[in-house]
Amino acid sequence: MIVSTYIAYLFISIAMTIWVARTLSKNGRVFLVDSFVGNEVLADSVNHLLVVGFYLINMGFILLSLKSQNNIEDLRACIEFLSVQVGFVLLVLGALHFTNVMVIAKWRYSVIKNK
């Protein structure tokens, strides 16, 4: 049961990470172009770097949190493990997203202020 639970956790967490990264990359481009005062090349480059960093941090977190201290012997324990682990992944994804938005917004403010 533990191996099946780990496989389910990896599948759910990695799929969510890929979906969130693609969504943020696609929809965040407009925000980045505006933040870098219309410099699309710089915005695209920063966007790509953010996605790579996002993948590295999240995949590392997912793999480091793969271990369970509890015995997973039934479906209930499996669901409880998955909910806690996937919940942590979602919190990390959200925290990274808001941190990136805050940093870029501060960057944009400083660029506009210094013009």
PDB file of N, CA and C in Angstrom:
ATOM      1  N   MET A   1       0.820  -1.202   0.000  1.00  0.00           N
ATOM      2  CA  MET A   1       0.000   0.000   0.000  1.00  0.00           C
ATOM      3  C   MET A   1       0.865   1.268   0.000  1.00  0.00           C
ATOM      4  N   ILE A   2       2.004   1.216   0.690  1.00  0.00           N
ATOM      5  CA  ILE A   2       2.846   2.410   0.783  1.00  0.00           C
ATOM      6  C   ILE A   2       3.410   2.810  -0.581  1.00  0.00           C
ATOM      7  N   VAL A   3       3.805   1.858  -1.380  1.00  0.00           N
ATOM      8  CA  VAL A   3       4.363   2.168  -2.699  1.00  0.00           C
ATOM      9  C   VAL A   3       3.289   2.800  -3.583  1.00  0.00           C
ATOM     10  N   SER A   4       2.080   2.272  -3.542  1.00  0.00           N
ATOM     11  CA  SER A   4       0.976   2.854  -4.323  1.00  0.00           C
ATOM     12  C   SER A   4       0.682   4.274  -3.869  1.00  0.00           C
ATOM     13  N   THR A   5       0.741   4.506  -2.582  1.00  0.00           N
ATOM     14  CA  THR A   5       0.504   5.845  -2.034  1.00  0.00           C
ATOM     15  C   THR A   5       1.589   6.806  -2.480  1.00  0.00           C
ATOM     16  N   TYR A   6       2.832   6.379  -2.431  1.00  0.00           N
ATOM     17  CA  TYR A   6       3.934   7.226  -2.885  1.00  0.00           C
ATOM     18  C   TYR A   6       3.796   7.552  -4.370  1.00  0.00           C
ATOM     19  N   ILE A   7       3.431   6.588  -5.173  1.00  0.00           N
ATOM     20  CA  ILE A   7       3.250   6.826  -6.608  1.00  0.00           C
ATOM     21  C   ILE A   7       2.119   7.815  -6.847  1.00  0.00           C
ATOM     22  N   ALA A   8       1.022   7.659  -6.115  1.00  0.00           N
ATOM     23  CA  ALA A   8      -0.098   8.603  -6.247  1.00  0.00           C
ATOM     24  C   ALA A   8       0.335  10.011  -5.842  1.00  0.00           C
ATOM     25  N   TYR A   9       1.082  10.115  -4.747  1.00  0.00           N
ATOM     26  CA  TYR A   9       1.578  11.414  -4.278  1.00  0.00           C
ATOM     27  C   TYR A   9       2.470  12.065  -5.332  1.00  0.00           C
ATOM     28  N   LEU A  10       3.409  11.301  -5.872  1.00  0.00           N
ATOM     29  CA  LEU A  10       4.295  11.851  -6.898  1.00  0.00           C
ATOM     30  C   LEU A  10       3.516  12.295  -8.123  1.00  0.00           C
ATOM     31  N   PHE A  11       2.593  11.476  -8.573  1.00  0.00           N
ATOM     32  CA  PHE A  11       1.805  11.821  -9.758  1.00  0.00           C
ATOM     33  C   PHE A  11       1.002  13.101  -9.527  1.00  0.00           C
ATOM     34  N   ILE A  12       0.272  13.177  -8.420  1.00  0.00           N
ATOM     35  CA  ILE A  12      -0.560  14.356  -8.135  1.00  0.00           C
ATOM     36  C   ILE A  12       0.305  15.602  -7.980  1.00  0.00           C
ATOM     37  N   SER A  13       1.362  15.507  -7.201  1.00  0.00           N
ATOM     38  CA  SER A  13       2.202  16.676  -6.916  1.00  0.00           C
ATOM     39  C   SER A  13       2.935  17.182  -8.154  1.00  0.00           C
ATOM     40  N   ILE A  14       3.490  16.277  -8.923  1.00  0.00           N
ATOM     41  CA  ILE A  14       4.218  16.697 -10.125  1.00  0.00           C
ATOM     42  C   ILE A  14       3.258  17.253 -11.168  1.00  0.00           C
ATOM     43  N   ALA A  15       2.102  16.625 -11.332  1.00  0.00           N
ATOM     44  CA  ALA A  15       1.105  17.142 -12.281  1.00  0.00           C
ATOM     45  C   ALA A  15       0.647  18.542 -11.886  1.00  0.00           C
ATOM     46  N   MET A  16       0.413  18.755 -10.609  1.00  0.00           N
ATOM     47  CA  MET A  16      -0.015  20.086 -10.155  1.00  0.00           C
ATOM     48  C   MET A  16       1.093  21.118 -10.346  1.00  0.00           C
ATOM     49  N   THR A  17       2.331  20.721 -10.078  1.00  0.00           N
ATOM     50  CA  THR A  17       3.452  21.638 -10.260  1.00  0.00           C
ATOM     51  C   THR A  17       3.590  22.051 -11.724  1.00  0.00           C
ATOM     52  N   ILE A  18       3.471  21.105 -12.624  1.00  0.00           N
ATOM     53  CA  ILE A  18       3.561  21.410 -14.059  1.00  0.00           C
ATOM     54  C   ILE A  18       2.416  22.321 -14.483  1.00  0.00           C
ATOM     55  N   TRP A  19       1.201  22.020 -14.035  1.00  0.00           N
ATOM     56  CA  TRP A  19       0.047  22.845 -14.403  1.00  0.00           C
ATOM     57  C   TRP A  19       0.198  24.269 -13.882  1.00  0.00           C
ATOM     58  N   VAL A  20       0.597  24.410 -12.614  1.00  0.00           N
ATOM     59  CA  VAL A  20       0.753  25.747 -12.030  1.00  0.00           C
ATOM     60  C   VAL A  20       1.866  26.515 -12.746  1.00  0.00           C
ATOM     61  N   ALA A  21       2.988  25.868 -13.016  1.00  0.00           N
ATOM     62  CA  ALA A  21       4.099  26.548 -13.690  1.00  0.00           C
ATOM     63  C   ALA A  21       3.695  27.032 -15.079  1.00  0.00           C
ATOM     64  N   ARG A  22       3.006  26.196 -15.826  1.00  0.00           N
ATOM     65  CA  ARG A  22       2.562  26.609 -17.169  1.00  0.00           C
ATOM     66  C   ARG A  22       1.551  27.743 -17.101  1.00  0.00           C
ATOM     67  N   THR A  23       0.627  27.654 -16.162  1.00  0.00           N
ATOM     68  CA  THR A  23      -0.381  28.700 -16.018  1.00  0.00           C
ATOM     69  C   THR A  23       0.260  30.028 -15.636  1.00  0.00           C
ATOM     70  N   LEU A  24       1.153  29.989 -14.654  1.00  0.00           N
ATOM     71  CA  LEU A  24       1.816  31.224 -14.230  1.00  0.00           C
ATOM     72  C   LEU A  24       2.694  31.800 -15.333  1.00  0.00           C
ATOM     73  N   SER A  25       3.385  30.946 -16.058  1.00  0.00           N
ATOM     74  CA  SER A  25       4.246  31.411 -17.140  1.00  0.00           C
ATOM     75  C   SER A  25       3.430  32.082 -18.237  1.00  0.00           C
ATOM     76  N   LYS A  26       2.361  31.432 -18.627  1.00  0.00           N
ATOM     77  CA  LYS A  26       1.523  31.956 -19.712  1.00  0.00           C
ATOM     78  C   LYS A  26       0.830  33.260 -19.315  1.00  0.00           C
ATOM     79  N   ASN A  27       0.211  33.264 -18.152  1.00  0.00           N
ATOM     80  CA  ASN A  27      -0.574  34.425 -17.738  1.00  0.00           C
ATOM     81  C   ASN A  27       0.260  35.502 -17.065  1.00  0.00           C
ATOM     82  N   GLY A  28       1.461  35.154 -16.607  1.00  0.00           N
ATOM     83  CA  GLY A  28       2.311  36.139 -15.961  1.00  0.00           C
ATOM     84  C   GLY A  28       3.133  36.969 -16.929  1.00  0.00           C
ATOM     85  N   ARG A  29       3.166  36.587 -18.180  1.00  0.00           N
ATOM     86  CA  ARG A  29       3.975  37.296 -19.173  1.00  0.00           C
ATOM     87  C   ARG A  29       3.553  38.756 -19.291  1.00  0.00           C
ATOM     88  N   VAL A  30       2.260  39.004 -19.327  1.00  0.00           N
ATOM     89  CA  VAL A  30       1.757  40.377 -19.447  1.00  0.00           C
ATOM     90  C   VAL A  30       2.222  41.209 -18.254  1.00  0.00           C
ATOM     91  N   PHE A  31       2.129  40.645 -17.079  1.00  0.00           N
ATOM     92  CA  PHE A  31       2.576  41.318 -15.859  1.00  0.00           C
ATOM     93  C   PHE A  31       4.068  41.625 -15.934  1.00  0.00           C
ATOM     94  N   LEU A  32       4.855  40.676 -16.408  1.00  0.00           N
ATOM     95  CA  LEU A  32       6.295  40.886 -16.497  1.00  0.00           C
ATOM     96  C   LEU A  32       6.658  41.925 -17.556  1.00  0.00           C
ATOM     97  N   VAL A  33       5.997  41.879 -18.697  1.00  0.00           N
ATOM     98  CA  VAL A  33       6.269  42.871 -19.744  1.00  0.00           C
ATOM     99  C   VAL A  33       5.979  44.268 -19.203  1.00  0.00           C
ATOM    100  N   ASP A  34       4.865  44.417 -18.503  1.00  0.00           N
ATOM    101  CA  ASP A  34       4.531  45.717 -17.908  1.00  0.00           C
ATOM    102  C   ASP A  34       5.544  46.103 -16.837  1.00  0.00           C
ATOM    103  N   SER A  35       5.961  45.129 -16.031  1.00  0.00           N
ATOM    104  CA  SER A  35       6.917  45.401 -14.954  1.00  0.00           C
ATOM    105  C   SER A  35       8.280  45.818 -15.487  1.00  0.00           C
ATOM    106  N   PHE A  36       8.644  45.301 -16.661  1.00  0.00           N
ATOM    107  CA  PHE A  36       9.923  45.656 -17.263  1.00  0.00           C
ATOM    108  C   PHE A  36       9.744  46.703 -18.365  1.00  0.00           C
ATOM    109  N   VAL A  37       8.736  47.526 -18.215  1.00  0.00           N
ATOM    110  CA  VAL A  37       8.470  48.700 -19.046  1.00  0.00           C
ATOM    111  C   VAL A  37       8.501  48.352 -20.536  1.00  0.00           C
ATOM    112  N   GLY A  38       7.818  47.291 -20.899  1.00  0.00           N
ATOM    113  CA  GLY A  38       7.682  46.923 -22.305  1.00  0.00           C
ATOM    114  C   GLY A  38       8.836  46.138 -22.899  1.00  0.00           C
ATOM    115  N   ASN A  39       9.856  45.849 -22.128  1.00  0.00           N
ATOM    116  CA  ASN A  39      10.995  45.089 -22.632  1.00  0.00           C
ATOM    117  C   ASN A  39      10.617  43.602 -22.663  1.00  0.00           C
ATOM    118  N   GLU A  40      10.100  43.150 -23.802  1.00  0.00           N
ATOM    119  CA  GLU A  40       9.589  41.783 -23.928  1.00  0.00           C
ATOM    120  C   GLU A  40      10.682  40.728 -23.837  1.00  0.00           C
ATOM    121  N   VAL A  41      11.849  41.027 -24.368  1.00  0.00           N
ATOM    122  CA  VAL A  41      12.949  40.061 -24.317  1.00  0.00           C
ATOM    123  C   VAL A  41      13.348  39.802 -22.865  1.00  0.00           C
ATOM    124  N   LEU A  42      13.501  40.871 -22.089  1.00  0.00           N
ATOM    125  CA  LEU A  42      13.844  40.727 -20.675  1.00  0.00           C
ATOM    126  C   LEU A  42      12.721  40.026 -19.912  1.00  0.00           C
ATOM    127  N   ALA A  43      11.477  40.391 -20.193  1.00  0.00           N
ATOM    128  CA  ALA A  43      10.334  39.765 -19.524  1.00  0.00           C
ATOM    129  C   ALA A  43      10.274  38.269 -19.815  1.00  0.00           C
ATOM    130  N   ASP A  44      10.494  37.889 -21.066  1.00  0.00           N
ATOM    131  CA  ASP A  44      10.471  36.466 -21.421  1.00  0.00           C
ATOM    132  C   ASP A  44      11.620  35.708 -20.757  1.00  0.00           C
ATOM    133  N   SER A  45      12.780  36.345 -20.688  1.00  0.00           N
ATOM    134  CA  SER A  45      13.930  35.715 -20.053  1.00  0.00           C
ATOM    135  C   SER A  45      13.683  35.508 -18.558  1.00  0.00           C
ATOM    136  N   VAL A  46      13.194  36.530 -17.892  1.00  0.00           N
ATOM    137  CA  VAL A  46      12.885  36.427 -16.463  1.00  0.00           C
ATOM    138  C   VAL A  46      11.786  35.387 -16.239  1.00  0.00           C
ATOM    139  N   ASN A  47      10.800  35.375 -17.113  1.00  0.00           N
ATOM    140  CA  ASN A  47       9.712  34.406 -17.008  1.00  0.00           C
ATOM    141  C   ASN A  47      10.258  32.982 -17.071  1.00  0.00           C
ATOM    142  N   HIS A  48      11.155  32.731 -18.001  1.00  0.00           N
ATOM    143  CA  HIS A  48      11.748  31.399 -18.133  1.00  0.00           C
ATOM    144  C   HIS A  48      12.578  31.038 -16.897  1.00  0.00           C
ATOM    145  N   LEU A  49      13.368  31.987 -16.416  1.00  0.00           N
ATOM    146  CA  LEU A  49      14.175  31.736 -15.226  1.00  0.00           C
ATOM    147  C   LEU A  49      13.299  31.447 -14.003  1.00  0.00           C
ATOM    148  N   LEU A  50      12.190  32.166 -13.868  1.00  0.00           N
ATOM    149  CA  LEU A  50      11.263  31.916 -12.766  1.00  0.00           C
ATOM    150  C   LEU A  50      10.661  30.516 -12.852  1.00  0.00           C
ATOM    151  N   VAL A  51      10.321  30.091 -14.054  1.00  0.00           N
ATOM    152  CA  VAL A  51       9.747  28.751 -14.233  1.00  0.00           C
ATOM    153  C   VAL A  51      10.767  27.676 -13.866  1.00  0.00           C
ATOM    154  N   VAL A  52      12.008  27.843 -14.295  1.00  0.00           N
ATOM    155  CA  VAL A  52      13.045  26.861 -13.972  1.00  0.00           C
ATOM    156  C   VAL A  52      13.250  26.793 -12.454  1.00  0.00           C
ATOM    157  N   GLY A  53      13.370  27.938 -11.821  1.00  0.00           N
ATOM    158  CA  GLY A  53      13.522  27.966 -10.368  1.00  0.00           C
ATOM    159  C   GLY A  53      12.325  27.368  -9.657  1.00  0.00           C
ATOM    160  N   PHE A  54      11.145  27.644 -10.163  1.00  0.00           N
ATOM    161  CA  PHE A  54       9.905  27.109  -9.613  1.00  0.00           C
ATOM    162  C   PHE A  54       9.916  25.589  -9.660  1.00  0.00           C
ATOM    163  N   TYR A  55      10.299  25.032 -10.816  1.00  0.00           N
ATOM    164  CA  TYR A  55      10.391  23.574 -10.945  1.00  0.00           C
ATOM    165  C   TYR A  55      11.422  22.986  -9.984  1.00  0.00           C
ATOM    166  N   LEU A  56      12.591  23.581  -9.913  1.00  0.00           N
ATOM    167  CA  LEU A  56      13.653  23.050  -9.060  1.00  0.00           C
ATOM    168  C   LEU A  56      13.233  23.035  -7.586  1.00  0.00           C
ATOM    169  N   ILE A  57      12.695  24.130  -7.124  1.00  0.00           N
ATOM    170  CA  ILE A  57      12.288  24.205  -5.723  1.00  0.00           C
ATOM    171  C   ILE A  57      11.155  23.238  -5.427  1.00  0.00           C
ATOM    172  N   ASN A  58      10.154  23.210  -6.279  1.00  0.00           N
ATOM    173  CA  ASN A  58       9.004  22.349  -6.008  1.00  0.00           C
ATOM    174  C   ASN A  58       9.322  20.876  -6.151  1.00  0.00           C
ATOM    175  N   MET A  59      10.075  20.500  -7.167  1.00  0.00           N
ATOM    176  CA  MET A  59      10.421  19.084  -7.322  1.00  0.00           C
ATOM    177  C   MET A  59      11.303  18.631  -6.154  1.00  0.00           C
ATOM    178  N   GLY A  60      12.211  19.480  -5.727  1.00  0.00           N
ATOM    179  CA  GLY A  60      13.031  19.148  -4.563  1.00  0.00           C
ATOM    180  C   GLY A  60      12.184  18.982  -3.316  1.00  0.00           C
ATOM    181  N   PHE A  61      11.251  19.894  -3.104  1.00  0.00           N
ATOM    182  CA  PHE A  61      10.360  19.801  -1.942  1.00  0.00           C
ATOM    183  C   PHE A  61       9.507  18.535  -2.005  1.00  0.00           C
ATOM    184  N   ILE A  62       8.973  18.242  -3.177  1.00  0.00           N
ATOM    185  CA  ILE A  62       8.135  17.043  -3.354  1.00  0.00           C
ATOM    186  C   ILE A  62       8.935  15.789  -3.008  1.00  0.00           C
ATOM    187  N   LEU A  63      10.145  15.692  -3.507  1.00  0.00           N
ATOM    188  CA  LEU A  63      10.960  14.499  -3.257  1.00  0.00           C
ATOM    189  C   LEU A  63      11.417  14.402  -1.804  1.00  0.00           C
ATOM    190  N   LEU A  64      11.755  15.535  -1.197  1.00  0.00           N
ATOM    191  CA  LEU A  64      12.188  15.513   0.199  1.00  0.00           C
ATOM    192  C   LEU A  64      11.053  15.146   1.157  1.00  0.00           C
ATOM    193  N   SER A  65       9.828  15.457   0.786  1.00  0.00           N
ATOM    194  CA  SER A  65       8.703  15.168   1.675  1.00  0.00           C
ATOM    195  C   SER A  65       8.010  13.852   1.342  1.00  0.00           C
ATOM    196  N   LEU A  66       8.670  12.994   0.599  1.00  0.00           N
ATOM    197  CA  LEU A  66       8.072  11.732   0.171  1.00  0.00           C
ATOM    198  C   LEU A  66       7.966  10.713   1.300  1.00  0.00           C
ATOM    199  N   LYS A  67       8.779  10.830   2.309  1.00  0.00           N
ATOM    200  CA  LYS A  67       8.816   9.834   3.375  1.00  0.00           C
ATOM    201  C   LYS A  67       7.652  10.009   4.342  1.00  0.00           C
ATOM    202  N   SER A  68       7.122   8.891   4.811  1.00  0.00           N
ATOM    203  CA  SER A  68       6.050   8.903   5.799  1.00  0.00           C
ATOM    204  C   SER A  68       6.507   8.183   7.057  1.00  0.00           C
ATOM    205  N   GLN A  69       6.204   8.766   8.206  1.00  0.00           N
ATOM    206  CA  GLN A  69       6.527   8.127   9.484  1.00  0.00           C
ATOM    207  C   GLN A  69       5.441   7.135   9.907  1.00  0.00           C
ATOM    208  N   ASN A  70       4.277   7.250   9.297  1.00  0.00           N
ATOM    209  CA  ASN A  70       3.144   6.397   9.659  1.00  0.00           C
ATOM    210  C   ASN A  70       3.076   5.173   8.767  1.00  0.00           C
ATOM    211  N   ASN A  71       2.490   4.123   9.304  1.00  0.00           N
ATOM    212  CA  ASN A  71       2.207   2.949   8.494  1.00  0.00           C
ATOM    213  C   ASN A  71       0.950   3.211   7.678  1.00  0.00           C
ATOM    214  N   ILE A  72       1.040   2.998   6.402  1.00  0.00           N
ATOM    215  CA  ILE A  72      -0.113   3.189   5.532  1.00  0.00           C
ATOM    216  C   ILE A  72      -0.623   1.806   5.164  1.00  0.00           C
ATOM    217  N   GLU A  73      -1.620   1.384   5.909  1.00  0.00           N
ATOM    218  CA  GLU A  73      -2.109   0.022   5.751  1.00  0.00           C
ATOM    219  C   GLU A  73      -3.487  -0.067   5.126  1.00  0.00           C
ATOM    220  N   ASP A  74      -4.202   1.061   5.058  1.00  0.00           N
ATOM    221  CA  ASP A  74      -5.550   1.015   4.481  1.00  0.00           C
ATOM    222  C   ASP A  74      -5.816   2.282   3.685  1.00  0.00           C
ATOM    223  N   LEU A  75      -6.978   2.325   3.058  1.00  0.00           N
ATOM    224  CA  LEU A  75      -7.336   3.456   2.198  1.00  0.00           C
ATOM    225  C   LEU A  75      -7.426   4.758   2.983  1.00  0.00           C
ATOM    226  N   ARG A  76      -7.925   4.686   4.192  1.00  0.00           N
ATOM    227  CA  ARG A  76      -8.036   5.885   5.025  1.00  0.00           C
ATOM    228  C   ARG A  76      -6.662   6.505   5.272  1.00  0.00           C
ATOM    229  N   ALA A  77      -5.696   5.700   5.657  1.00  0.00           N
ATOM    230  CA  ALA A  77      -4.340   6.193   5.902  1.00  0.00           C
ATOM    231  C   ALA A  77      -3.728   6.753   4.619  1.00  0.00           C
ATOM    232  N   CYS A  78      -4.033   6.134   3.503  1.00  0.00           N
ATOM    233  CA  CYS A  78      -3.541   6.605   2.205  1.00  0.00           C
ATOM    234  C   CYS A  78      -4.093   7.995   1.897  1.00  0.00           C
ATOM    235  N   ILE A  79      -5.390   8.165   2.082  1.00  0.00           N
ATOM    236  CA  ILE A  79      -6.028   9.458   1.812  1.00  0.00           C
ATOM    237  C   ILE A  79      -5.499  10.533   2.765  1.00  0.00           C
ATOM    238  N   GLU A  80      -5.322  10.180   4.021  1.00  0.00           N
ATOM    239  CA  GLU A  80      -4.792  11.146   4.989  1.00  0.00           C
ATOM    240  C   GLU A  80      -3.373  11.570   4.626  1.00  0.00           C
ATOM    241  N   PHE A  81      -2.537  10.618   4.261  1.00  0.00           N
ATOM    242  CA  PHE A  81      -1.163  10.929   3.849  1.00  0.00           C
ATOM    243  C   PHE A  81      -1.167  11.845   2.630  1.00  0.00           C
ATOM    244  N   LEU A  82      -1.969  11.478   1.624  1.00  0.00           N
ATOM    245  CA  LEU A  82      -2.021  12.274   0.397  1.00  0.00           C
ATOM    246  C   LEU A  82      -2.529  13.682   0.659  1.00  0.00           C
ATOM    247  N   SER A  83      -3.540  13.820   1.502  1.00  0.00           N
ATOM    248  CA  SER A  83      -4.085  15.153   1.757  1.00  0.00           C
ATOM    249  C   SER A  83      -3.068  16.049   2.452  1.00  0.00           C
ATOM    250  N   VAL A  84      -2.329  15.505   3.402  1.00  0.00           N
ATOM    251  CA  VAL A  84      -1.316  16.301   4.104  1.00  0.00           C
ATOM    252  C   VAL A  84      -0.173  16.657   3.159  1.00  0.00           C
ATOM    253  N   GLN A  85       0.334  15.683   2.442  1.00  0.00           N
ATOM    254  CA  GLN A  85       1.486  15.924   1.569  1.00  0.00           C
ATOM    255  C   GLN A  85       1.137  16.856   0.411  1.00  0.00           C
ATOM    256  N   VAL A  86       0.011  16.612  -0.251  1.00  0.00           N
ATOM    257  CA  VAL A  86      -0.396  17.473  -1.364  1.00  0.00           C
ATOM    258  C   VAL A  86      -0.743  18.870  -0.837  1.00  0.00           C
ATOM    259  N   GLY A  87      -1.314  18.938   0.357  1.00  0.00           N
ATOM    260  CA  GLY A  87      -1.588  20.243   0.970  1.00  0.00           C
ATOM    261  C   GLY A  87      -0.327  21.058   1.167  1.00  0.00           C
ATOM    262  N   PHE A  88       0.738  20.415   1.643  1.00  0.00           N
ATOM    263  CA  PHE A  88       2.017  21.116   1.796  1.00  0.00           C
ATOM    264  C   PHE A  88       2.550  21.582   0.442  1.00  0.00           C
ATOM    265  N   VAL A  89       2.436  20.749  -0.560  1.00  0.00           N
ATOM    266  CA  VAL A  89       2.888  21.146  -1.903  1.00  0.00           C
ATOM    267  C   VAL A  89       2.107  22.369  -2.371  1.00  0.00           C
ATOM    268  N   LEU A  90       0.803  22.376  -2.166  1.00  0.00           N
ATOM    269  CA  LEU A  90      -0.013  23.519  -2.580  1.00  0.00           C
ATOM    270  C   LEU A  90       0.378  24.788  -1.822  1.00  0.00           C
ATOM    271  N   LEU A  91       0.656  24.655  -0.540  1.00  0.00           N
ATOM    272  CA  LEU A  91       1.097  25.821   0.224  1.00  0.00           C
ATOM    273  C   LEU A  91       2.425  26.360  -0.291  1.00  0.00           C
ATOM    274  N   VAL A  92       3.350  25.479  -0.624  1.00  0.00           N
ATOM    275  CA  VAL A  92       4.637  25.919  -1.170  1.00  0.00           C
ATOM    276  C   VAL A  92       4.437  26.583  -2.526  1.00  0.00           C
ATOM    277  N   LEU A  93       3.609  25.996  -3.386  1.00  0.00           N
ATOM    278  CA  LEU A  93       3.323  26.602  -4.689  1.00  0.00           C
ATOM    279  C   LEU A  93       2.741  28.011  -4.517  1.00  0.00           C
ATOM    280  N   GLY A  94       1.783  28.138  -3.624  1.00  0.00           N
ATOM    281  CA  GLY A  94       1.170  29.446  -3.383  1.00  0.00           C
ATOM    282  C   GLY A  94       2.148  30.452  -2.819  1.00  0.00           C
ATOM    283  N   ALA A  95       2.956  30.030  -1.862  1.00  0.00           N
ATOM    284  CA  ALA A  95       3.938  30.938  -1.263  1.00  0.00           C
ATOM    285  C   ALA A  95       4.961  31.403  -2.297  1.00  0.00           C
ATOM    286  N   LEU A  96       5.425  30.499  -3.129  1.00  0.00           N
ATOM    287  CA  LEU A  96       6.372  30.884  -4.175  1.00  0.00           C
ATOM    288  C   LEU A  96       5.747  31.869  -5.154  1.00  0.00           C
ATOM    289  N   HIS A  97       4.509  31.613  -5.516  1.00  0.00           N
ATOM    290  CA  HIS A  97       3.817  32.497  -6.452  1.00  0.00           C
ATOM    291  C   HIS A  97       3.696  33.910  -5.870  1.00  0.00           C
ATOM    292  N   PHE A  98       3.209  34.019  -4.651  1.00  0.00           N
ATOM    293  CA  PHE A  98       3.031  35.344  -4.064  1.00  0.00           C
ATOM    294  C   PHE A  98       4.358  36.038  -3.800  1.00  0.00           C
ATOM    295  N   THR A  99       5.387  35.281  -3.455  1.00  0.00           N
ATOM    296  CA  THR A  99       6.705  35.879  -3.268  1.00  0.00           C
ATOM    297  C   THR A  99       7.214  36.455  -4.586  1.00  0.00           C
ATOM    298  N   ASN A 100       7.093  35.699  -5.665  1.00  0.00           N
ATOM    299  CA  ASN A 100       7.514  36.196  -6.977  1.00  0.00           C
ATOM    300  C   ASN A 100       6.747  37.451  -7.367  1.00  0.00           C
ATOM    301  N   VAL A 101       5.441  37.453  -7.172  1.00  0.00           N
ATOM    302  CA  VAL A 101       4.619  38.610  -7.535  1.00  0.00           C
ATOM    303  C   VAL A 101       5.040  39.829  -6.712  1.00  0.00           C
ATOM    304  N   MET A 102       5.278  39.633  -5.424  1.00  0.00           N
ATOM    305  CA  MET A 102       5.684  40.761  -4.575  1.00  0.00           C
ATOM    306  C   MET A 102       7.034  41.333  -5.003  1.00  0.00           C
ATOM    307  N   VAL A 103       7.991  40.472  -5.277  1.00  0.00           N
ATOM    308  CA  VAL A 103       9.323  40.934  -5.685  1.00  0.00           C
ATOM    309  C   VAL A 103       9.242  41.699  -7.004  1.00  0.00           C
ATOM    310  N   ILE A 104       8.494  41.172  -7.951  1.00  0.00           N
ATOM    311  CA  ILE A 104       8.381  41.839  -9.254  1.00  0.00           C
ATOM    312  C   ILE A 104       7.610  43.146  -9.128  1.00  0.00           C
ATOM    313  N   ALA A 105       6.583  43.164  -8.290  1.00  0.00           N
ATOM    314  CA  ALA A 105       5.825  44.404  -8.080  1.00  0.00           C
ATOM    315  C   ALA A 105       6.715  45.476  -7.456  1.00  0.00           C
ATOM    316  N   LYS A 106       7.566  45.085  -6.503  1.00  0.00           N
ATOM    317  CA  LYS A 106       8.504  46.047  -5.904  1.00  0.00           C
ATOM    318  C   LYS A 106       9.503  46.546  -6.947  1.00  0.00           C
ATOM    319  N   TRP A 107       9.955  45.629  -7.803  1.00  0.00           N
ATOM    320  CA  TRP A 107      10.863  46.013  -8.879  1.00  0.00           C
ATOM    321  C   TRP A 107      10.195  47.047  -9.776  1.00  0.00           C
ATOM    322  N   ARG A 108       8.959  46.776 -10.167  1.00  0.00           N
ATOM    323  CA  ARG A 108       8.213  47.680 -11.040  1.00  0.00           C
ATOM    324  C   ARG A 108       8.049  49.044 -10.385  1.00  0.00           C
ATOM    325  N   TYR A 109       7.710  49.056  -9.099  1.00  0.00           N
ATOM    326  CA  TYR A 109       7.535  50.311  -8.369  1.00  0.00           C
ATOM    327  C   TYR A 109       8.828  51.112  -8.352  1.00  0.00           C
ATOM    328  N   SER A 110       9.962  50.430  -8.134  1.00  0.00           N
ATOM    329  CA  SER A 110      11.238  51.151  -8.089  1.00  0.00           C
ATOM    330  C   SER A 110      11.618  51.687  -9.467  1.00  0.00           C
ATOM    331  N   VAL A 111      11.270  50.948 -10.534  1.00  0.00           N
ATOM    332  CA  VAL A 111      11.555  51.426 -11.894  1.00  0.00           C
ATOM    333  C   VAL A 111      10.726  52.665 -12.203  1.00  0.00           C
ATOM    334  N   ILE A 112       9.449  52.620 -11.856  1.00  0.00           N
ATOM    335  CA  ILE A 112       8.561  53.767 -12.125  1.00  0.00           C
ATOM    336  C   ILE A 112       8.976  54.952 -11.257  1.00  0.00           C
ATOM    337  N   LYS A 113       9.329  54.718 -10.021  1.00  0.00           N
ATOM    338  CA  LYS A 113       9.722  55.786  -9.107  1.00  0.00           C
ATOM    339  C   LYS A 113      10.984  56.499  -9.568  1.00  0.00           C
ATOM    340  N   ASN A 114      11.917  55.770 -10.163  1.00  0.00           N
ATOM    341  CA  ASN A 114      13.199  56.336 -10.593  1.00  0.00           C
ATOM    342  C   ASN A 114      13.162  56.954 -11.974  1.00  0.00           C
ATOM    343  N   LYS A 115      12.018  56.900 -12.642  1.00  0.00           N
ATOM    344  CA  LYS A 115      11.933  57.503 -13.975  1.00  0.00           C
ATOM    345  C   LYS A 115      11.799  58.983 -13.910  1.00  0.00           C
TER     346      LYS A 115
END
